[in-house]
Amino acid sequence: MISARRSRILLSFGTTLASCVVLAADAAHAVDAELFRLPGRESAQPLASRLSTHDQTELLIALDELSASAESDRNSRAVADLLRAGQPDVVTDHALDALARMKSREARAVLTAFCRHRRADARVRAYTALANLRDSRDIPVIIEGLRDSAATVRSQVAVLLGQLQAKDAVPDLLRALELGVHTAAAAIGKLGDAASVQSYGGQLGRLPLPVMLEGYGQYLERPDIPESVKLEIIAGLEQVSGATVKAFLNARVQTPGKNTTPKLQQAMSISAGRIRVDDSEPSTATQELQP
């Protein structure tokens, strides 16, 4: 009887001690979290109101925390006002990146204005944020970026137009390609219709072959491009010949895309087999040429 009573007392004491340890650990964790909390983190103050701070570190933290949410429109208006007031470059870049994440139409006007910013990096960010709105009404503004003075902007805009499936931009992309915007090649291959293949092929021999193959690779993978047009592409590439074309065709024979018919696969295999390559000829069969 005494032994059982002693056991119950010991069990009760052990349970109480364990509870105290857990509570102490929770309290220590809370203290540690408070001590190491970054400025502005977990603040109860609305993010939009925190943008009025004069502390640049806290301002950057607040901008980095902004993302798509129920308060997206309100926050984007606050960020737009911040940009209109004029900011150091680092703050401007963080603000434009924040608008890209929020994807709010409230920011459209300021983003359009910043597409003409003095810095190319800021223009790239503004075009990217504008494209993230996924609104066809913004396509004409984005197309203007193909005529930007900076190559980095022109290159990014071509990529964005391809991502937006902006088929109306194909004529502008073809002109940009002629002027050396190499990223336009893949965008044209994604967006151009069957008739555009001939216009695109006009650059074959004028632009680096790997660039042209980026576009041709896109054309060959599309289900809406007729098989007859794809066979013409393969025949035209065989005429160009060389190690790079051979590698391009062989890669697609070995790993055919989901829209590669048996007839296309056979045509590529035959063309690749007919291309004779001198062992001394360098091959640019890099990963970018893979399907």
C-alpha atoms as a PDB file:
ATOM      1  CA  MET A   1       0.000   0.000   0.000  1.00  0.00           C
ATOM      2  CA  ILE A   2       2.811   2.396   0.949  1.00  0.00           C
ATOM      3  CA  SER A   3       4.674   1.512  -2.215  1.00  0.00           C
ATOM      4  CA  ALA A   4       1.654   2.337  -4.422  1.00  0.00           C
ATOM      5  CA  ARG A   5       1.122   5.681  -2.673  1.00  0.00           C
ATOM      6  CA  ARG A   6       4.764   6.550  -3.096  1.00  0.00           C
ATOM      7  CA  SER A   7       4.533   5.702  -6.802  1.00  0.00           C
ATOM      8  CA  ARG A   8       1.542   8.030  -7.267  1.00  0.00           C
ATOM      9  CA  ILE A   9       3.361  10.888  -5.530  1.00  0.00           C
ATOM     10  CA  LEU A  10       6.460  10.419  -7.646  1.00  0.00           C
ATOM     11  CA  LEU A  11       4.394  10.281 -10.851  1.00  0.00           C
ATOM     12  CA  SER A  12       2.559  13.489  -9.908  1.00  0.00           C
ATOM     13  CA  PHE A  13       5.831  15.253  -9.114  1.00  0.00           C
ATOM     14  CA  GLY A  14       7.367  14.124 -12.435  1.00  0.00           C
ATOM     15  CA  THR A  15       4.405  15.402 -14.449  1.00  0.00           C
ATOM     16  CA  THR A  16       4.513  18.799 -12.723  1.00  0.00           C
ATOM     17  CA  LEU A  17       8.280  19.069 -13.293  1.00  0.00           C
ATOM     18  CA  ALA A  18       7.907  18.246 -17.005  1.00  0.00           C
ATOM     19  CA  SER A  19       5.228  20.930 -17.390  1.00  0.00           C
ATOM     20  CA  CYS A  20       7.506  23.509 -15.803  1.00  0.00           C
ATOM     21  CA  VAL A  21      10.332  22.606 -18.183  1.00  0.00           C
ATOM     22  CA  VAL A  22       8.069  23.033 -21.232  1.00  0.00           C
ATOM     23  CA  LEU A  23       6.782  26.406 -19.992  1.00  0.00           C
ATOM     24  CA  ALA A  24      10.322  27.594 -19.329  1.00  0.00           C
ATOM     25  CA  ALA A  25      11.429  26.514 -22.801  1.00  0.00           C
ATOM     26  CA  ASP A  26       8.487  28.348 -24.401  1.00  0.00           C
ATOM     27  CA  ALA A  27       9.309  31.487 -22.435  1.00  0.00           C
ATOM     28  CA  ALA A  28      12.970  31.318 -23.473  1.00  0.00           C
ATOM     29  CA  HIS A  29      11.989  30.834 -27.116  1.00  0.00           C
ATOM     30  CA  ALA A  30       9.706  33.884 -26.946  1.00  0.00           C
ATOM     31  CA  VAL A  31      12.527  35.978 -25.470  1.00  0.00           C
ATOM     32  CA  ASP A  32      14.976  34.767 -28.132  1.00  0.00           C
ATOM     33  CA  ALA A  33      12.495  35.549 -30.925  1.00  0.00           C
ATOM     34  CA  GLU A  34      12.014  39.072 -29.573  1.00  0.00           C
ATOM     35  CA  LEU A  35      15.754  39.665 -29.165  1.00  0.00           C
ATOM     36  CA  PHE A  36      16.618  38.530 -32.684  1.00  0.00           C
ATOM     37  CA  ARG A  37      13.601  39.928 -34.527  1.00  0.00           C
ATOM     38  CA  LEU A  38      14.745  42.013 -37.503  1.00  0.00           C
ATOM     39  CA  PRO A  39      13.570  45.655 -37.606  1.00  0.00           C
ATOM     40  CA  GLY A  40      10.072  45.784 -39.017  1.00  0.00           C
ATOM     41  CA  ARG A  41       9.551  42.018 -38.926  1.00  0.00           C
ATOM     42  CA  GLU A  42       6.216  40.721 -37.568  1.00  0.00           C
ATOM     43  CA  SER A  43       5.100  44.292 -36.972  1.00  0.00           C
ATOM     44  CA  ALA A  44       1.428  44.831 -36.257  1.00  0.00           C
ATOM     45  CA  GLN A  45       1.665  48.064 -38.244  1.00  0.00           C
ATOM     46  CA  PRO A  46       0.166  47.714 -41.768  1.00  0.00           C
ATOM     47  CA  LEU A  47       2.838  47.269 -44.412  1.00  0.00           C
ATOM     48  CA  ALA A  48       1.567  50.182 -46.482  1.00  0.00           C
ATOM     49  CA  SER A  49       2.004  52.610 -43.547  1.00  0.00           C
ATOM     50  CA  ARG A  50       5.513  51.298 -42.833  1.00  0.00           C
ATOM     51  CA  LEU A  51       6.619  52.664 -46.211  1.00  0.00           C
ATOM     52  CA  SER A  52       6.578  56.171 -44.762  1.00  0.00           C
ATOM     53  CA  THR A  53       9.656  55.444 -42.629  1.00  0.00           C
ATOM     54  CA  HIS A  54      12.885  57.388 -43.142  1.00  0.00           C
ATOM     55  CA  ASP A  55      14.948  54.356 -42.102  1.00  0.00           C
ATOM     56  CA  GLN A  56      16.114  52.848 -45.413  1.00  0.00           C
ATOM     57  CA  THR A  57      16.801  49.417 -43.874  1.00  0.00           C
ATOM     58  CA  GLU A  58      13.267  49.148 -42.498  1.00  0.00           C
ATOM     59  CA  LEU A  59      11.896  50.464 -45.790  1.00  0.00           C
ATOM     60  CA  LEU A  60      13.695  47.763 -47.770  1.00  0.00           C
ATOM     61  CA  ILE A  61      12.478  45.079 -45.351  1.00  0.00           C
ATOM     62  CA  ALA A  62       8.890  46.283 -45.703  1.00  0.00           C
ATOM     63  CA  LEU A  63       9.160  46.290 -49.504  1.00  0.00           C
ATOM     64  CA  ASP A  64      10.570  42.760 -49.503  1.00  0.00           C
ATOM     65  CA  GLU A  65       7.633  41.569 -47.377  1.00  0.00           C
ATOM     66  CA  LEU A  66       5.052  42.929 -49.788  1.00  0.00           C
ATOM     67  CA  SER A  67       3.421  40.297 -51.971  1.00  0.00           C
ATOM     68  CA  ALA A  68       0.068  39.375 -53.467  1.00  0.00           C
ATOM     69  CA  SER A  69      -2.567  39.490 -50.716  1.00  0.00           C
ATOM     70  CA  ALA A  70      -5.983  40.834 -49.830  1.00  0.00           C
ATOM     71  CA  GLU A  71      -4.278  44.196 -49.308  1.00  0.00           C
ATOM     72  CA  SER A  72      -2.508  44.079 -52.668  1.00  0.00           C
ATOM     73  CA  ASP A  73      -4.252  47.080 -54.225  1.00  0.00           C
ATOM     74  CA  ARG A  74      -3.802  49.260 -51.149  1.00  0.00           C
ATOM     75  CA  ASN A  75      -0.155  48.278 -50.790  1.00  0.00           C
ATOM     76  CA  SER A  76       0.576  48.788 -54.483  1.00  0.00           C
ATOM     77  CA  ARG A  77      -0.842  52.317 -54.316  1.00  0.00           C
ATOM     78  CA  ALA A  78       1.504  53.018 -51.396  1.00  0.00           C
ATOM     79  CA  VAL A  79       4.491  51.653 -53.338  1.00  0.00           C
ATOM     80  CA  ALA A  80       3.504  53.663 -56.423  1.00  0.00           C
ATOM     81  CA  ASP A  81       3.351  56.837 -54.328  1.00  0.00           C
ATOM     82  CA  LEU A  82       6.785  55.985 -52.905  1.00  0.00           C
ATOM     83  CA  LEU A  83       8.234  55.685 -56.415  1.00  0.00           C
ATOM     84  CA  ARG A  84       6.633  58.914 -57.628  1.00  0.00           C
ATOM     85  CA  ALA A  85       8.279  60.755 -54.743  1.00  0.00           C
ATOM     86  CA  GLY A  86      11.724  59.776 -56.080  1.00  0.00           C
ATOM     87  CA  GLN A  87      13.963  57.272 -54.308  1.00  0.00           C
ATOM     88  CA  PRO A  88      17.585  56.071 -54.240  1.00  0.00           C
ATOM     89  CA  ASP A  89      18.318  53.391 -56.832  1.00  0.00           C
ATOM     90  CA  VAL A  90      18.296  50.527 -54.336  1.00  0.00           C
ATOM     91  CA  VAL A  91      14.868  51.520 -53.011  1.00  0.00           C
ATOM     92  CA  THR A  92      13.530  52.000 -56.536  1.00  0.00           C
ATOM     93  CA  ASP A  93      14.639  48.497 -57.519  1.00  0.00           C
ATOM     94  CA  HIS A  94      13.089  46.908 -54.416  1.00  0.00           C
ATOM     95  CA  ALA A  95       9.855  48.823 -54.985  1.00  0.00           C
ATOM     96  CA  LEU A  96       9.589  47.716 -58.620  1.00  0.00           C
ATOM     97  CA  ASP A  97      10.272  44.111 -57.596  1.00  0.00           C
ATOM     98  CA  ALA A  98       7.522  44.405 -54.975  1.00  0.00           C
ATOM     99  CA  LEU A  99       5.057  45.631 -57.602  1.00  0.00           C
ATOM    100  CA  ALA A 100       6.013  42.680 -59.801  1.00  0.00           C
ATOM    101  CA  ARG A 101       5.058  40.308 -56.972  1.00  0.00           C
ATOM    102  CA  MET A 102       1.804  42.081 -56.129  1.00  0.00           C
ATOM    103  CA  LYS A 103       0.452  42.052 -59.697  1.00  0.00           C
ATOM    104  CA  SER A 104      -2.019  44.848 -59.015  1.00  0.00           C
ATOM    105  CA  ARG A 105      -3.580  46.958 -61.762  1.00  0.00           C
ATOM    106  CA  GLU A 106      -3.357  49.909 -59.365  1.00  0.00           C
ATOM    107  CA  ALA A 107       0.350  50.158 -60.253  1.00  0.00           C
ATOM    108  CA  ARG A 108      -0.100  50.233 -64.039  1.00  0.00           C
ATOM    109  CA  ALA A 109       0.402  53.986 -64.487  1.00  0.00           C
ATOM    110  CA  VAL A 110       3.612  54.203 -62.461  1.00  0.00           C
ATOM    111  CA  LEU A 111       5.020  51.065 -64.112  1.00  0.00           C
ATOM    112  CA  THR A 112       4.363  52.522 -67.557  1.00  0.00           C
ATOM    113  CA  ALA A 113       6.187  55.686 -66.522  1.00  0.00           C
ATOM    114  CA  PHE A 114       9.154  53.733 -65.139  1.00  0.00           C
ATOM    115  CA  CYS A 115       9.517  51.898 -68.457  1.00  0.00           C
ATOM    116  CA  ARG A 116      11.167  55.192 -69.470  1.00  0.00           C
ATOM    117  CA  HIS A 117      13.391  55.468 -66.397  1.00  0.00           C
ATOM    118  CA  ARG A 118      16.968  56.723 -66.853  1.00  0.00           C
ATOM    119  CA  ARG A 119      18.443  53.371 -65.692  1.00  0.00           C
ATOM    120  CA  ALA A 120      18.209  50.243 -67.829  1.00  0.00           C
ATOM    121  CA  ASP A 121      17.956  48.000 -64.730  1.00  0.00           C
ATOM    122  CA  ALA A 122      14.910  49.918 -63.534  1.00  0.00           C
ATOM    123  CA  ARG A 123      13.326  49.705 -67.003  1.00  0.00           C
ATOM    124  CA  VAL A 124      13.848  45.933 -67.064  1.00  0.00           C
ATOM    125  CA  ARG A 125      12.106  45.667 -63.690  1.00  0.00           C
ATOM    126  CA  ALA A 126       9.258  47.952 -64.784  1.00  0.00           C
ATOM    127  CA  TYR A 127       8.600  45.963 -67.966  1.00  0.00           C
ATOM    128  CA  THR A 128       8.745  42.710 -65.986  1.00  0.00           C
ATOM    129  CA  ALA A 129       6.257  44.001 -63.415  1.00  0.00           C
ATOM    130  CA  LEU A 130       3.960  45.285 -66.168  1.00  0.00           C
ATOM    131  CA  ALA A 131       4.084  41.914 -67.934  1.00  0.00           C
ATOM    132  CA  ASN A 132       3.201  40.173 -64.660  1.00  0.00           C
ATOM    133  CA  LEU A 133      -0.189  41.911 -64.761  1.00  0.00           C
ATOM    134  CA  ARG A 134      -1.049  39.609 -67.685  1.00  0.00           C
ATOM    135  CA  ASP A 135      -3.266  42.235 -69.297  1.00  0.00           C
ATOM    136  CA  SER A 136      -3.401  42.315 -73.104  1.00  0.00           C
ATOM    137  CA  ARG A 137      -3.961  46.084 -72.957  1.00  0.00           C
ATOM    138  CA  ASP A 138      -0.354  46.498 -71.827  1.00  0.00           C
ATOM    139  CA  ILE A 139       1.139  44.624 -74.800  1.00  0.00           C
ATOM    140  CA  PRO A 140       1.653  47.776 -76.956  1.00  0.00           C
ATOM    141  CA  VAL A 141       3.630  49.403 -74.142  1.00  0.00           C
ATOM    142  CA  ILE A 142       5.762  46.296 -73.678  1.00  0.00           C
ATOM    143  CA  ILE A 143       6.404  46.026 -77.429  1.00  0.00           C
ATOM    144  CA  GLU A 144       7.907  49.526 -77.292  1.00  0.00           C
ATOM    145  CA  GLY A 145      10.664  48.008 -75.166  1.00  0.00           C
ATOM    146  CA  LEU A 146      11.986  46.211 -78.259  1.00  0.00           C
ATOM    147  CA  ARG A 147      13.206  49.636 -79.415  1.00  0.00           C
ATOM    148  CA  ASP A 148      14.860  50.532 -76.114  1.00  0.00           C
ATOM    149  CA  SER A 149      18.391  51.942 -76.240  1.00  0.00           C
ATOM    150  CA  ALA A 150      19.723  49.206 -73.921  1.00  0.00           C
ATOM    151  CA  ALA A 151      20.342  45.665 -75.173  1.00  0.00           C
ATOM    152  CA  THR A 152      19.426  44.198 -71.768  1.00  0.00           C
ATOM    153  CA  VAL A 153      15.983  45.790 -71.946  1.00  0.00           C
ATOM    154  CA  ARG A 154      15.353  44.665 -75.534  1.00  0.00           C
ATOM    155  CA  SER A 155      16.423  41.132 -74.647  1.00  0.00           C
ATOM    156  CA  GLN A 156      14.159  40.915 -71.586  1.00  0.00           C
ATOM    157  CA  VAL A 157      11.167  42.396 -73.422  1.00  0.00           C
ATOM    158  CA  ALA A 158      11.461  39.750 -76.171  1.00  0.00           C
ATOM    159  CA  VAL A 159      11.388  37.033 -73.507  1.00  0.00           C
ATOM    160  CA  LEU A 160       8.377  38.645 -71.818  1.00  0.00           C
ATOM    161  CA  LEU A 161       6.424  38.839 -75.080  1.00  0.00           C
ATOM    162  CA  GLY A 162       7.024  35.135 -75.626  1.00  0.00           C
ATOM    163  CA  GLN A 163       5.790  34.350 -72.115  1.00  0.00           C
ATOM    164  CA  LEU A 164       2.703  36.500 -72.666  1.00  0.00           C
ATOM    165  CA  GLN A 165       1.843  34.653 -75.887  1.00  0.00           C
ATOM    166  CA  ALA A 166       1.673  38.058 -77.586  1.00  0.00           C
ATOM    167  CA  LYS A 167       1.129  36.844 -81.145  1.00  0.00           C
ATOM    168  CA  ASP A 168       0.499  40.374 -82.405  1.00  0.00           C
ATOM    169  CA  ALA A 169       4.123  41.146 -81.518  1.00  0.00           C
ATOM    170  CA  VAL A 170       5.598  38.743 -84.110  1.00  0.00           C
ATOM    171  CA  PRO A 171       6.276  41.436 -86.783  1.00  0.00           C
ATOM    172  CA  ASP A 172       8.053  43.557 -84.162  1.00  0.00           C
ATOM    173  CA  LEU A 173       9.980  40.545 -82.911  1.00  0.00           C
ATOM    174  CA  LEU A 174      11.115  39.738 -86.462  1.00  0.00           C
ATOM    175  CA  ARG A 175      12.430  43.300 -86.847  1.00  0.00           C
ATOM    176  CA  ALA A 176      14.125  43.070 -83.464  1.00  0.00           C
ATOM    177  CA  LEU A 177      15.766  39.799 -84.473  1.00  0.00           C
ATOM    178  CA  GLU A 178      17.182  41.434 -87.594  1.00  0.00           C
ATOM    179  CA  LEU A 179      18.674  44.117 -85.361  1.00  0.00           C
ATOM    180  CA  GLY A 180      20.397  41.585 -83.146  1.00  0.00           C
ATOM    181  CA  VAL A 181      17.912  40.874 -80.330  1.00  0.00           C
ATOM    182  CA  HIS A 182      18.743  37.183 -80.136  1.00  0.00           C
ATOM    183  CA  THR A 183      16.124  36.292 -77.508  1.00  0.00           C
ATOM    184  CA  ALA A 184      13.484  37.222 -80.084  1.00  0.00           C
ATOM    185  CA  ALA A 185      14.235  33.955 -81.903  1.00  0.00           C
ATOM    186  CA  ALA A 186      12.677  31.707 -79.267  1.00  0.00           C
ATOM    187  CA  ALA A 187       9.729  34.096 -78.871  1.00  0.00           C
ATOM    188  CA  ILE A 188       9.073  34.016 -82.634  1.00  0.00           C
ATOM    189  CA  GLY A 189       9.221  30.217 -82.598  1.00  0.00           C
ATOM    190  CA  LYS A 190       6.630  30.187 -79.815  1.00  0.00           C
ATOM    191  CA  LEU A 191       4.272  32.740 -81.367  1.00  0.00           C
ATOM    192  CA  GLY A 192       4.685  32.842 -85.145  1.00  0.00           C
ATOM    193  CA  ASP A 193       2.202  31.153 -87.481  1.00  0.00           C
ATOM    194  CA  ALA A 194       3.142  28.898 -90.386  1.00  0.00           C
ATOM    195  CA  ALA A 195       3.573  31.895 -92.700  1.00  0.00           C
ATOM    196  CA  SER A 196       6.123  33.436 -90.339  1.00  0.00           C
ATOM    197  CA  VAL A 197       8.519  30.509 -90.797  1.00  0.00           C
ATOM    198  CA  GLN A 198       9.629  31.847 -94.178  1.00  0.00           C
ATOM    199  CA  SER A 199      10.285  35.344 -92.804  1.00  0.00           C
ATOM    200  CA  TYR A 200      12.154  33.844 -89.889  1.00  0.00           C
ATOM    201  CA  GLY A 201      14.250  31.699 -92.226  1.00  0.00           C
ATOM    202  CA  GLY A 202      15.463  34.849 -93.962  1.00  0.00           C
ATOM    203  CA  GLN A 203      17.897  35.296 -91.079  1.00  0.00           C
ATOM    204  CA  LEU A 204      19.431  31.855 -91.544  1.00  0.00           C
ATOM    205  CA  GLY A 205      23.072  32.433 -92.395  1.00  0.00           C
ATOM    206  CA  ARG A 206      22.997  35.999 -91.086  1.00  0.00           C
ATOM    207  CA  LEU A 207      22.597  35.261 -87.386  1.00  0.00           C
ATOM    208  CA  PRO A 208      24.504  32.709 -85.285  1.00  0.00           C
ATOM    209  CA  LEU A 209      23.164  29.238 -85.984  1.00  0.00           C
ATOM    210  CA  PRO A 210      22.482  28.380 -82.297  1.00  0.00           C
ATOM    211  CA  VAL A 211      20.259  31.471 -82.123  1.00  0.00           C
ATOM    212  CA  MET A 212      18.246  30.389 -85.162  1.00  0.00           C
ATOM    213  CA  LEU A 213      17.927  26.857 -83.811  1.00  0.00           C
ATOM    214  CA  GLU A 214      16.283  28.231 -80.668  1.00  0.00           C
ATOM    215  CA  GLY A 215      13.383  29.433 -82.804  1.00  0.00           C
ATOM    216  CA  TYR A 216      13.275  26.362 -85.041  1.00  0.00           C
ATOM    217  CA  GLY A 217      13.181  24.132 -81.984  1.00  0.00           C
ATOM    218  CA  GLN A 218      10.063  25.964 -80.810  1.00  0.00           C
ATOM    219  CA  TYR A 219       8.391  25.713 -84.212  1.00  0.00           C
ATOM    220  CA  LEU A 220       9.053  21.960 -84.391  1.00  0.00           C
ATOM    221  CA  GLU A 221       7.470  21.338 -80.984  1.00  0.00           C
ATOM    222  CA  ARG A 222       4.203  23.157 -81.652  1.00  0.00           C
ATOM    223  CA  PRO A 223       1.035  21.193 -82.454  1.00  0.00           C
ATOM    224  CA  ASP A 224      -0.473  24.073 -84.459  1.00  0.00           C
ATOM    225  CA  ILE A 225       2.335  24.180 -87.047  1.00  0.00           C
ATOM    226  CA  PRO A 226       1.524  21.837 -89.967  1.00  0.00           C
ATOM    227  CA  GLU A 227       3.713  18.792 -90.435  1.00  0.00           C
ATOM    228  CA  SER A 228       4.487  19.905 -93.999  1.00  0.00           C
ATOM    229  CA  VAL A 229       5.993  23.154 -92.669  1.00  0.00           C
ATOM    230  CA  LYS A 230       8.079  21.246 -90.128  1.00  0.00           C
ATOM    231  CA  LEU A 231       9.389  18.978 -92.904  1.00  0.00           C
ATOM    232  CA  GLU A 232      10.446  22.092 -94.825  1.00  0.00           C
ATOM    233  CA  ILE A 233      12.315  23.310 -91.750  1.00  0.00           C
ATOM    234  CA  ILE A 234      14.173  20.011 -91.495  1.00  0.00           C
ATOM    235  CA  ALA A 235      15.038  20.047 -95.212  1.00  0.00           C
ATOM    236  CA  GLY A 236      16.276  23.618 -94.967  1.00  0.00           C
ATOM    237  CA  LEU A 237      18.490  22.785 -92.004  1.00  0.00           C
ATOM    238  CA  GLU A 238      19.972  19.849 -93.894  1.00  0.00           C
ATOM    239  CA  GLN A 239      21.013  22.287 -96.609  1.00  0.00           C
ATOM    240  CA  VAL A 240      22.829  24.365 -93.992  1.00  0.00           C
ATOM    241  CA  SER A 241      24.539  21.184 -92.812  1.00  0.00           C
ATOM    242  CA  GLY A 242      27.370  21.160 -90.266  1.00  0.00           C
ATOM    243  CA  ALA A 243      28.037  19.630 -86.869  1.00  0.00           C
ATOM    244  CA  THR A 244      25.665  21.951 -85.035  1.00  0.00           C
ATOM    245  CA  VAL A 245      22.686  21.082 -87.232  1.00  0.00           C
ATOM    246  CA  LYS A 246      23.521  17.387 -87.058  1.00  0.00           C
ATOM    247  CA  ALA A 247      23.608  17.536 -83.243  1.00  0.00           C
ATOM    248  CA  PHE A 248      20.340  19.519 -83.197  1.00  0.00           C
ATOM    249  CA  LEU A 249      18.525  16.918 -85.324  1.00  0.00           C
ATOM    250  CA  ASN A 250      20.028  13.922 -83.547  1.00  0.00           C
ATOM    251  CA  ALA A 251      18.983  15.301 -80.156  1.00  0.00           C
ATOM    252  CA  ARG A 252      15.373  15.426 -81.344  1.00  0.00           C
ATOM    253  CA  VAL A 253      15.547  11.959 -82.794  1.00  0.00           C
ATOM    254  CA  GLN A 254      16.870  10.549 -79.533  1.00  0.00           C
ATOM    255  CA  THR A 255      14.463  12.531 -77.327  1.00  0.00           C
ATOM    256  CA  PRO A 256      11.403  13.343 -79.452  1.00  0.00           C
ATOM    257  CA  GLY A 257       8.894  15.885 -78.186  1.00  0.00           C
ATOM    258  CA  LYS A 258       5.261  14.978 -77.596  1.00  0.00           C
ATOM    259  CA  ASN A 259       4.312  16.585 -80.941  1.00  0.00           C
ATOM    260  CA  THR A 260       7.000  14.800 -82.955  1.00  0.00           C
ATOM    261  CA  THR A 261       5.241  12.413 -85.345  1.00  0.00           C
ATOM    262  CA  PRO A 262       6.945   9.222 -86.615  1.00  0.00           C
ATOM    263  CA  LYS A 263       7.256  10.893 -90.035  1.00  0.00           C
ATOM    264  CA  LEU A 264       9.076  13.898 -88.573  1.00  0.00           C
ATOM    265  CA  GLN A 265      11.328  11.704 -86.475  1.00  0.00           C
ATOM    266  CA  GLN A 266      12.240   9.661 -89.545  1.00  0.00           C
ATOM    267  CA  ALA A 267      12.916  12.809 -91.599  1.00  0.00           C
ATOM    268  CA  MET A 268      15.214  14.184 -88.914  1.00  0.00           C
ATOM    269  CA  SER A 269      17.036  10.887 -88.630  1.00  0.00           C
ATOM    270  CA  ILE A 270      17.590  10.661 -92.397  1.00  0.00           C
ATOM    271  CA  SER A 271      18.721  14.296 -92.657  1.00  0.00           C
ATOM    272  CA  ALA A 272      21.109  13.945 -89.727  1.00  0.00           C
ATOM    273  CA  GLY A 273      22.525  10.775 -91.289  1.00  0.00           C
ATOM    274  CA  ARG A 274      23.188  12.545 -94.594  1.00  0.00           C
ATOM    275  CA  ILE A 275      25.140  15.366 -92.966  1.00  0.00           C
ATOM    276  CA  ARG A 276      28.825  14.599 -93.163  1.00  0.00           C
ATOM    277  CA  VAL A 277      30.954  16.257 -90.513  1.00  0.00           C
ATOM    278  CA  ASP A 278      34.701  16.788 -90.691  1.00  0.00           C
ATOM    279  CA  ASP A 279      36.323  15.608 -87.455  1.00  0.00           C
ATOM    280  CA  SER A 280      38.139  18.948 -87.272  1.00  0.00           C
ATOM    281  CA  GLU A 281      34.865  20.917 -87.437  1.00  0.00           C
ATOM    282  CA  PRO A 282      33.901  22.260 -84.018  1.00  0.00           C
ATOM    283  CA  SER A 283      30.442  21.383 -82.763  1.00  0.00           C
ATOM    284  CA  THR A 284      28.312  23.784 -80.773  1.00  0.00           C
ATOM    285  CA  ALA A 285      25.968  21.026 -79.679  1.00  0.00           C
ATOM    286  CA  THR A 286      25.411  22.481 -76.258  1.00  0.00           C
ATOM    287  CA  GLN A 287      22.563  21.996 -73.844  1.00  0.00           C
ATOM    288  CA  GLU A 288      20.681  24.959 -75.345  1.00  0.00           C
ATOM    289  CA  LEU A 289      20.138  22.906 -78.496  1.00  0.00           C
ATOM    290  CA  GLN A 290      18.425  20.088 -76.658  1.00  0.00           C
ATOM    291  CA  PRO A 291      14.654  19.654 -77.218  1.00  0.00           C
END
